[in-house]
């Protein structure tokens, strides 16, 4: 619990990096959320709530604290940015019945997060059905202004797109030492969000799953540090 509280404190204190996206200021927070400051739209992706309970059904036992810790981090981001709209970009829940396994505390936290705000759940591949017992609207995709929001990025999209699904991470090697961190990945037209859940992993941005999504000459990995976001050019990224 002490580690979870430290994570929340770091999330509140972290300094966001402002980039231009679709003609608007988009704040990339080191906690792994993005916020359109003018329109007060907060974007989060791939929380995978109730992942531990999903694994337990298959007799793979993980510490059962992922939902509480992830929601505490999200509550800290909502307190920090006071959004009018929260967009969850899919895989908010680890499976399609996970919302039914939420405990009373988790439901109360989600209600508090959504109170007085518009809550939009974009359907993901893990959770294609609307969640049970929580506020908000479920959509397949969402268009706000010049930006399309969906769970899985579409290589054929010609406009500005924000998506999740791929859990991007970036790896740097300097003087024989390597560091790998979750990241936002963007070429200023498309942006792929990092995963937000505490039990989620990452896929190296140089993996073939990202092929064809970005203009490599403009691609940047916005790596999540402890208290800031670090912009790194694609040519500096290492495989592995």
C-alpha atoms as a PDB file:
ATOM      1  CA  UNK A   1       0.000   0.000   0.000  1.00  0.00           C
ATOM      2  CA  UNK A   2       2.866   2.391   0.781  1.00  0.00           C
ATOM      3  CA  UNK A   3       4.278   1.835  -2.727  1.00  0.00           C
ATOM      4  CA  UNK A   4       0.860   2.580  -4.245  1.00  0.00           C
ATOM      5  CA  UNK A   5       0.620   5.835  -2.269  1.00  0.00           C
ATOM      6  CA  UNK A   6       4.080   6.844  -3.482  1.00  0.00           C
ATOM      7  CA  UNK A   7       2.978   6.213  -7.065  1.00  0.00           C
ATOM      8  CA  UNK A   8      -0.051   8.474  -6.567  1.00  0.00           C
ATOM      9  CA  UNK A   9       2.101  11.227  -5.069  1.00  0.00           C
ATOM     10  CA  UNK A  10       4.494  10.998  -8.027  1.00  0.00           C
ATOM     11  CA  UNK A  11       1.566  11.085 -10.442  1.00  0.00           C
ATOM     12  CA  UNK A  12       0.261  14.286  -8.894  1.00  0.00           C
ATOM     13  CA  UNK A  13       3.657  15.992  -8.915  1.00  0.00           C
ATOM     14  CA  UNK A  14       4.868  14.969 -12.375  1.00  0.00           C
ATOM     15  CA  UNK A  15       5.500  17.656 -14.963  1.00  0.00           C
ATOM     16  CA  UNK A  16       3.622  17.175 -18.236  1.00  0.00           C
ATOM     17  CA  UNK A  17       5.168  17.805 -21.640  1.00  0.00           C
ATOM     18  CA  UNK A  18       3.083  19.965 -23.991  1.00  0.00           C
ATOM     19  CA  UNK A  19       2.998  19.054 -27.680  1.00  0.00           C
ATOM     20  CA  UNK A  20       0.917  20.322 -30.583  1.00  0.00           C
ATOM     21  CA  UNK A  21      -1.594  17.741 -31.776  1.00  0.00           C
ATOM     22  CA  UNK A  22      -4.280  18.540 -34.353  1.00  0.00           C
ATOM     23  CA  UNK A  23      -3.732  22.241 -33.731  1.00  0.00           C
ATOM     24  CA  UNK A  24      -4.314  21.979 -29.977  1.00  0.00           C
ATOM     25  CA  UNK A  25      -2.110  21.749 -26.912  1.00  0.00           C
ATOM     26  CA  UNK A  26      -1.905  18.164 -25.696  1.00  0.00           C
ATOM     27  CA  UNK A  27      -0.277  17.547 -22.327  1.00  0.00           C
ATOM     28  CA  UNK A  28       1.575  14.241 -21.982  1.00  0.00           C
ATOM     29  CA  UNK A  29       1.792  13.344 -18.318  1.00  0.00           C
ATOM     30  CA  UNK A  30       4.544  11.093 -16.923  1.00  0.00           C
ATOM     31  CA  UNK A  31       1.812   9.035 -15.247  1.00  0.00           C
ATOM     32  CA  UNK A  32       0.719   7.951 -18.736  1.00  0.00           C
ATOM     33  CA  UNK A  33      -2.401  10.037 -19.409  1.00  0.00           C
ATOM     34  CA  UNK A  34      -2.881  12.784 -21.989  1.00  0.00           C
ATOM     35  CA  UNK A  35      -4.978  15.913 -21.602  1.00  0.00           C
ATOM     36  CA  UNK A  36      -6.285  18.438 -24.134  1.00  0.00           C
ATOM     37  CA  UNK A  37      -5.930  21.441 -21.871  1.00  0.00           C
ATOM     38  CA  UNK A  38      -8.312  23.845 -23.644  1.00  0.00           C
ATOM     39  CA  UNK A  39     -11.189  21.368 -23.950  1.00  0.00           C
ATOM     40  CA  UNK A  40     -10.459  19.616 -20.641  1.00  0.00           C
ATOM     41  CA  UNK A  41     -10.449  16.150 -22.187  1.00  0.00           C
ATOM     42  CA  UNK A  42      -8.435  13.545 -20.282  1.00  0.00           C
ATOM     43  CA  UNK A  43      -7.402  10.396 -22.170  1.00  0.00           C
ATOM     44  CA  UNK A  44      -6.339   7.119 -20.552  1.00  0.00           C
ATOM     45  CA  UNK A  45      -5.846   3.711 -22.124  1.00  0.00           C
ATOM     46  CA  UNK A  46      -5.497   0.043 -21.263  1.00  0.00           C
ATOM     47  CA  UNK A  47      -6.169   0.070 -17.522  1.00  0.00           C
ATOM     48  CA  UNK A  48      -6.955  -3.680 -17.544  1.00  0.00           C
ATOM     49  CA  UNK A  49      -8.905  -3.486 -14.292  1.00  0.00           C
ATOM     50  CA  UNK A  50      -9.492  -6.821 -12.546  1.00  0.00           C
ATOM     51  CA  UNK A  51      -6.574  -8.463 -14.314  1.00  0.00           C
ATOM     52  CA  UNK A  52      -5.586 -10.247 -11.116  1.00  0.00           C
ATOM     53  CA  UNK A  53      -9.077 -11.702 -10.626  1.00  0.00           C
ATOM     54  CA  UNK A  54      -9.147 -12.743 -14.282  1.00  0.00           C
ATOM     55  CA  UNK A  55      -5.903 -14.660 -13.846  1.00  0.00           C
ATOM     56  CA  UNK A  56      -7.167 -16.182 -10.580  1.00  0.00           C
ATOM     57  CA  UNK A  57     -10.053 -17.776 -12.469  1.00  0.00           C
ATOM     58  CA  UNK A  58      -7.375 -19.741 -14.328  1.00  0.00           C
ATOM     59  CA  UNK A  59      -5.553 -20.519 -11.076  1.00  0.00           C
ATOM     60  CA  UNK A  60      -2.746 -18.050 -11.786  1.00  0.00           C
ATOM     61  CA  UNK A  61      -2.550 -15.973  -8.644  1.00  0.00           C
ATOM     62  CA  UNK A  62      -1.355 -12.371  -8.650  1.00  0.00           C
ATOM     63  CA  UNK A  63      -1.565  -9.835  -5.817  1.00  0.00           C
ATOM     64  CA  UNK A  64      -5.249  -8.744  -5.859  1.00  0.00           C
ATOM     65  CA  UNK A  65      -4.559  -5.016  -5.625  1.00  0.00           C
ATOM     66  CA  UNK A  66      -4.315  -3.963  -9.262  1.00  0.00           C
ATOM     67  CA  UNK A  67      -7.761  -2.400  -9.571  1.00  0.00           C
ATOM     68  CA  UNK A  68      -7.423  -0.297  -6.411  1.00  0.00           C
ATOM     69  CA  UNK A  69      -3.920   0.870  -7.340  1.00  0.00           C
ATOM     70  CA  UNK A  70      -4.839   1.721 -10.932  1.00  0.00           C
ATOM     71  CA  UNK A  71      -7.989   3.606  -9.920  1.00  0.00           C
ATOM     72  CA  UNK A  72      -6.012   5.527  -7.285  1.00  0.00           C
ATOM     73  CA  UNK A  73      -3.614   6.663 -10.014  1.00  0.00           C
ATOM     74  CA  UNK A  74      -6.521   7.685 -12.240  1.00  0.00           C
ATOM     75  CA  UNK A  75      -8.187   9.579  -9.397  1.00  0.00           C
ATOM     76  CA  UNK A  76      -4.930  11.485  -8.898  1.00  0.00           C
ATOM     77  CA  UNK A  77      -4.919  12.470 -12.571  1.00  0.00           C
ATOM     78  CA  UNK A  78      -8.536  13.618 -12.397  1.00  0.00           C
ATOM     79  CA  UNK A  79      -7.720  15.728  -9.347  1.00  0.00           C
ATOM     80  CA  UNK A  80      -4.705  17.176 -11.149  1.00  0.00           C
ATOM     81  CA  UNK A  81      -6.412  18.123 -14.431  1.00  0.00           C
ATOM     82  CA  UNK A  82     -10.104  18.467 -13.434  1.00  0.00           C
ATOM     83  CA  UNK A  83     -11.336  17.247 -16.843  1.00  0.00           C
ATOM     84  CA  UNK A  84     -14.852  17.782 -18.159  1.00  0.00           C
ATOM     85  CA  UNK A  85     -14.566  14.594 -20.243  1.00  0.00           C
ATOM     86  CA  UNK A  86     -12.692  11.366 -19.523  1.00  0.00           C
ATOM     87  CA  UNK A  87     -12.047   9.078 -22.494  1.00  0.00           C
ATOM     88  CA  UNK A  88     -10.963   5.531 -21.686  1.00  0.00           C
ATOM     89  CA  UNK A  89      -9.483   4.117 -24.890  1.00  0.00           C
ATOM     90  CA  UNK A  90     -10.426   0.484 -24.485  1.00  0.00           C
ATOM     91  CA  UNK A  91      -9.328  -2.461 -22.401  1.00  0.00           C
ATOM     92  CA  UNK A  92     -10.381  -0.591 -19.300  1.00  0.00           C
ATOM     93  CA  UNK A  93     -11.275  -4.068 -18.025  1.00  0.00           C
ATOM     94  CA  UNK A  94      -9.164  -7.155 -18.537  1.00  0.00           C
ATOM     95  CA  UNK A  95     -12.078  -9.301 -19.723  1.00  0.00           C
ATOM     96  CA  UNK A  96     -15.673  -8.777 -20.729  1.00  0.00           C
ATOM     97  CA  UNK A  97     -17.069  -9.824 -17.326  1.00  0.00           C
ATOM     98  CA  UNK A  98     -14.494  -7.979 -15.226  1.00  0.00           C
ATOM     99  CA  UNK A  99     -16.769  -5.053 -14.374  1.00  0.00           C
ATOM    100  CA  UNK A 100     -19.125  -7.542 -12.702  1.00  0.00           C
ATOM    101  CA  UNK A 101     -16.291  -8.536 -10.324  1.00  0.00           C
ATOM    102  CA  UNK A 102     -15.630  -4.996  -9.119  1.00  0.00           C
ATOM    103  CA  UNK A 103     -15.925  -4.585  -5.373  1.00  0.00           C
ATOM    104  CA  UNK A 104     -17.891  -1.839  -3.678  1.00  0.00           C
ATOM    105  CA  UNK A 105     -14.812   0.315  -3.082  1.00  0.00           C
ATOM    106  CA  UNK A 106     -13.835   0.199  -6.751  1.00  0.00           C
ATOM    107  CA  UNK A 107     -17.344   1.100  -7.893  1.00  0.00           C
ATOM    108  CA  UNK A 108     -17.421   3.986  -5.418  1.00  0.00           C
ATOM    109  CA  UNK A 109     -14.066   5.224  -6.738  1.00  0.00           C
ATOM    110  CA  UNK A 110     -15.234   5.104 -10.354  1.00  0.00           C
ATOM    111  CA  UNK A 111     -18.431   6.946  -9.396  1.00  0.00           C
ATOM    112  CA  UNK A 112     -16.369   9.616  -7.649  1.00  0.00           C
ATOM    113  CA  UNK A 113     -14.032   9.938 -10.640  1.00  0.00           C
ATOM    114  CA  UNK A 114     -16.982  10.322 -13.040  1.00  0.00           C
ATOM    115  CA  UNK A 115     -19.108  12.612 -10.869  1.00  0.00           C
ATOM    116  CA  UNK A 116     -19.900  15.835 -12.743  1.00  0.00           C
ATOM    117  CA  UNK A 117     -17.971  14.680 -15.807  1.00  0.00           C
ATOM    118  CA  UNK A 118     -18.723  12.914 -19.058  1.00  0.00           C
ATOM    119  CA  UNK A 119     -17.290   9.405 -18.932  1.00  0.00           C
ATOM    120  CA  UNK A 120     -16.740   7.641 -22.258  1.00  0.00           C
ATOM    121  CA  UNK A 121     -15.669   4.003 -22.489  1.00  0.00           C
ATOM    122  CA  UNK A 122     -14.277   3.109 -25.919  1.00  0.00           C
ATOM    123  CA  UNK A 123     -14.733  -0.622 -26.468  1.00  0.00           C
ATOM    124  CA  UNK A 124     -11.538  -2.674 -26.549  1.00  0.00           C
ATOM    125  CA  UNK A 125     -10.680  -6.172 -27.677  1.00  0.00           C
ATOM    126  CA  UNK A 126     -10.623  -7.365 -24.048  1.00  0.00           C
ATOM    127  CA  UNK A 127     -13.878  -5.597 -23.088  1.00  0.00           C
ATOM    128  CA  UNK A 128     -16.122  -5.210 -26.154  1.00  0.00           C
ATOM    129  CA  UNK A 129     -19.347  -4.998 -24.114  1.00  0.00           C
ATOM    130  CA  UNK A 130     -20.482  -2.003 -22.022  1.00  0.00           C
ATOM    131  CA  UNK A 131     -19.258  -2.319 -18.420  1.00  0.00           C
ATOM    132  CA  UNK A 132     -21.843  -3.179 -15.776  1.00  0.00           C
ATOM    133  CA  UNK A 133     -22.634  -1.023 -12.764  1.00  0.00           C
ATOM    134  CA  UNK A 134     -20.491   2.005 -13.600  1.00  0.00           C
ATOM    135  CA  UNK A 135     -21.427   5.390 -15.071  1.00  0.00           C
ATOM    136  CA  UNK A 136     -20.681   6.465 -18.619  1.00  0.00           C
ATOM    137  CA  UNK A 137     -21.341   5.738 -22.272  1.00  0.00           C
ATOM    138  CA  UNK A 138     -19.724   2.976 -24.337  1.00  0.00           C
ATOM    139  CA  UNK A 139     -18.789   3.632 -27.985  1.00  0.00           C
ATOM    140  CA  UNK A 140     -16.884   1.769 -30.687  1.00  0.00           C
ATOM    141  CA  UNK A 141     -14.951   4.906 -31.619  1.00  0.00           C
ATOM    142  CA  UNK A 142     -15.213   8.607 -30.907  1.00  0.00           C
ATOM    143  CA  UNK A 143     -14.619  11.750 -32.965  1.00  0.00           C
ATOM    144  CA  UNK A 144     -13.984  14.999 -31.106  1.00  0.00           C
ATOM    145  CA  UNK A 145     -13.053  17.967 -33.272  1.00  0.00           C
ATOM    146  CA  UNK A 146     -10.238  16.917 -35.595  1.00  0.00           C
ATOM    147  CA  UNK A 147      -9.296  13.800 -33.612  1.00  0.00           C
ATOM    148  CA  UNK A 148     -10.576  10.225 -33.848  1.00  0.00           C
ATOM    149  CA  UNK A 149     -10.260   8.096 -30.715  1.00  0.00           C
ATOM    150  CA  UNK A 150     -10.274   4.295 -31.021  1.00  0.00           C
ATOM    151  CA  UNK A 151      -8.765   1.338 -29.246  1.00  0.00           C
ATOM    152  CA  UNK A 152      -6.766  -0.300 -32.048  1.00  0.00           C
ATOM    153  CA  UNK A 153      -4.867   2.052 -34.378  1.00  0.00           C
ATOM    154  CA  UNK A 154      -5.827   1.856 -38.037  1.00  0.00           C
ATOM    155  CA  UNK A 155      -3.032   2.243 -40.566  1.00  0.00           C
ATOM    156  CA  UNK A 156      -5.578   3.480 -43.111  1.00  0.00           C
ATOM    157  CA  UNK A 157      -6.637   6.429 -40.952  1.00  0.00           C
ATOM    158  CA  UNK A 158      -5.685   9.631 -42.795  1.00  0.00           C
ATOM    159  CA  UNK A 159      -6.644  12.114 -40.074  1.00  0.00           C
ATOM    160  CA  UNK A 160      -5.471  12.629 -36.529  1.00  0.00           C
ATOM    161  CA  UNK A 161      -5.907   9.540 -34.385  1.00  0.00           C
ATOM    162  CA  UNK A 162      -5.322   8.649 -30.734  1.00  0.00           C
ATOM    163  CA  UNK A 163      -5.401   4.960 -29.856  1.00  0.00           C
ATOM    164  CA  UNK A 164      -4.113   2.382 -27.391  1.00  0.00           C
ATOM    165  CA  UNK A 165      -3.908  -1.419 -27.541  1.00  0.00           C
ATOM    166  CA  UNK A 166      -0.211  -1.792 -28.361  1.00  0.00           C
ATOM    167  CA  UNK A 167       1.251  -0.727 -24.976  1.00  0.00           C
ATOM    168  CA  UNK A 168       4.276   1.034 -26.529  1.00  0.00           C
ATOM    169  CA  UNK A 169       7.601   1.140 -24.726  1.00  0.00           C
ATOM    170  CA  UNK A 170      10.978   2.496 -25.777  1.00  0.00           C
ATOM    171  CA  UNK A 171      14.489   1.203 -25.115  1.00  0.00           C
ATOM    172  CA  UNK A 172      17.653   3.297 -25.061  1.00  0.00           C
ATOM    173  CA  UNK A 173      21.219   2.055 -24.780  1.00  0.00           C
ATOM    174  CA  UNK A 174      23.931   4.459 -23.620  1.00  0.00           C
ATOM    175  CA  UNK A 175      27.520   3.480 -22.788  1.00  0.00           C
ATOM    176  CA  UNK A 176      26.551  -0.153 -22.431  1.00  0.00           C
ATOM    177  CA  UNK A 177      23.626   0.546 -20.150  1.00  0.00           C
ATOM    178  CA  UNK A 178      20.006   0.099 -21.238  1.00  0.00           C
ATOM    179  CA  UNK A 179      16.808   1.668 -20.008  1.00  0.00           C
ATOM    180  CA  UNK A 180      13.323   0.691 -21.118  1.00  0.00           C
ATOM    181  CA  UNK A 181      10.233   2.710 -20.262  1.00  0.00           C
ATOM    182  CA  UNK A 182       6.590   2.918 -21.336  1.00  0.00           C
ATOM    183  CA  UNK A 183       6.027   5.733 -23.789  1.00  0.00           C
ATOM    184  CA  UNK A 184       3.622   7.733 -25.861  1.00  0.00           C
ATOM    185  CA  UNK A 185       4.432   7.200 -29.553  1.00  0.00           C
ATOM    186  CA  UNK A 186       3.558   9.948 -32.007  1.00  0.00           C
ATOM    187  CA  UNK A 187       4.452  11.451 -35.370  1.00  0.00           C
ATOM    188  CA  UNK A 188       2.133  14.440 -34.729  1.00  0.00           C
ATOM    189  CA  UNK A 189      -0.669  12.830 -36.780  1.00  0.00           C
ATOM    190  CA  UNK A 190      -1.154   9.575 -34.885  1.00  0.00           C
ATOM    191  CA  UNK A 191      -0.553   9.027 -31.180  1.00  0.00           C
ATOM    192  CA  UNK A 192      -0.517   5.646 -29.443  1.00  0.00           C
ATOM    193  CA  UNK A 193      -1.001   5.805 -25.683  1.00  0.00           C
ATOM    194  CA  UNK A 194       0.995   3.846 -23.112  1.00  0.00           C
ATOM    195  CA  UNK A 195      -0.899   1.341 -20.993  1.00  0.00           C
ATOM    196  CA  UNK A 196      -2.048   2.738 -17.642  1.00  0.00           C
ATOM    197  CA  UNK A 197      -2.742  -0.389 -15.603  1.00  0.00           C
ATOM    198  CA  UNK A 198      -0.273  -1.329 -12.899  1.00  0.00           C
ATOM    199  CA  UNK A 199      -0.117  -4.954 -14.118  1.00  0.00           C
ATOM    200  CA  UNK A 200       0.366  -4.185 -17.823  1.00  0.00           C
ATOM    201  CA  UNK A 201       3.554  -4.680 -19.812  1.00  0.00           C
ATOM    202  CA  UNK A 202       4.948  -2.921 -22.863  1.00  0.00           C
ATOM    203  CA  UNK A 203       5.796  -3.683 -26.484  1.00  0.00           C
ATOM    204  CA  UNK A 204       9.008  -2.259 -27.920  1.00  0.00           C
ATOM    205  CA  UNK A 205       8.233   0.549 -30.356  1.00  0.00           C
ATOM    206  CA  UNK A 206      10.579  -1.108 -32.862  1.00  0.00           C
ATOM    207  CA  UNK A 207       8.408  -4.237 -32.945  1.00  0.00           C
ATOM    208  CA  UNK A 208       6.837  -5.076 -36.312  1.00  0.00           C
ATOM    209  CA  UNK A 209       3.371  -4.524 -34.795  1.00  0.00           C
ATOM    210  CA  UNK A 210       4.015  -0.778 -35.209  1.00  0.00           C
ATOM    211  CA  UNK A 211       5.095  -1.083 -38.860  1.00  0.00           C
ATOM    212  CA  UNK A 212       3.266   1.268 -41.179  1.00  0.00           C
ATOM    213  CA  UNK A 213       1.623   3.317 -38.450  1.00  0.00           C
ATOM    214  CA  UNK A 214       4.035   6.269 -38.307  1.00  0.00           C
ATOM    215  CA  UNK A 215       6.034   8.618 -40.469  1.00  0.00           C
ATOM    216  CA  UNK A 216       9.409   7.472 -39.136  1.00  0.00           C
ATOM    217  CA  UNK A 217      11.054  10.804 -39.977  1.00  0.00           C
ATOM    218  CA  UNK A 218       8.711  12.476 -37.467  1.00  0.00           C
ATOM    219  CA  UNK A 219       8.230   9.692 -34.961  1.00  0.00           C
ATOM    220  CA  UNK A 220       9.044  10.486 -31.351  1.00  0.00           C
ATOM    221  CA  UNK A 221       8.932   8.250 -28.306  1.00  0.00           C
ATOM    222  CA  UNK A 222       7.795  10.269 -25.320  1.00  0.00           C
ATOM    223  CA  UNK A 223       9.264   8.131 -22.565  1.00  0.00           C
ATOM    224  CA  UNK A 224       7.722   8.200 -19.101  1.00  0.00           C
ATOM    225  CA  UNK A 225      10.173   9.220 -16.408  1.00  0.00           C
ATOM    226  CA  UNK A 226       9.569   9.473 -12.693  1.00  0.00           C
ATOM    227  CA  UNK A 227       8.530  13.113 -12.824  1.00  0.00           C
ATOM    228  CA  UNK A 228       8.777  14.180 -16.469  1.00  0.00           C
ATOM    229  CA  UNK A 229       8.380  12.981 -20.046  1.00  0.00           C
ATOM    230  CA  UNK A 230      11.459  12.649 -22.257  1.00  0.00           C
ATOM    231  CA  UNK A 231      11.185  13.075 -26.060  1.00  0.00           C
ATOM    232  CA  UNK A 232      13.434  10.686 -27.988  1.00  0.00           C
ATOM    233  CA  UNK A 233      13.850  10.439 -31.772  1.00  0.00           C
ATOM    234  CA  UNK A 234      13.145   7.151 -33.510  1.00  0.00           C
ATOM    235  CA  UNK A 235      16.759   6.737 -34.665  1.00  0.00           C
ATOM    236  CA  UNK A 236      17.925   6.619 -31.043  1.00  0.00           C
ATOM    237  CA  UNK A 237      15.695   3.697 -30.112  1.00  0.00           C
ATOM    238  CA  UNK A 238      17.100   0.199 -29.630  1.00  0.00           C
ATOM    239  CA  UNK A 239      15.444  -3.135 -30.280  1.00  0.00           C
ATOM    240  CA  UNK A 240      14.976  -5.756 -27.617  1.00  0.00           C
END
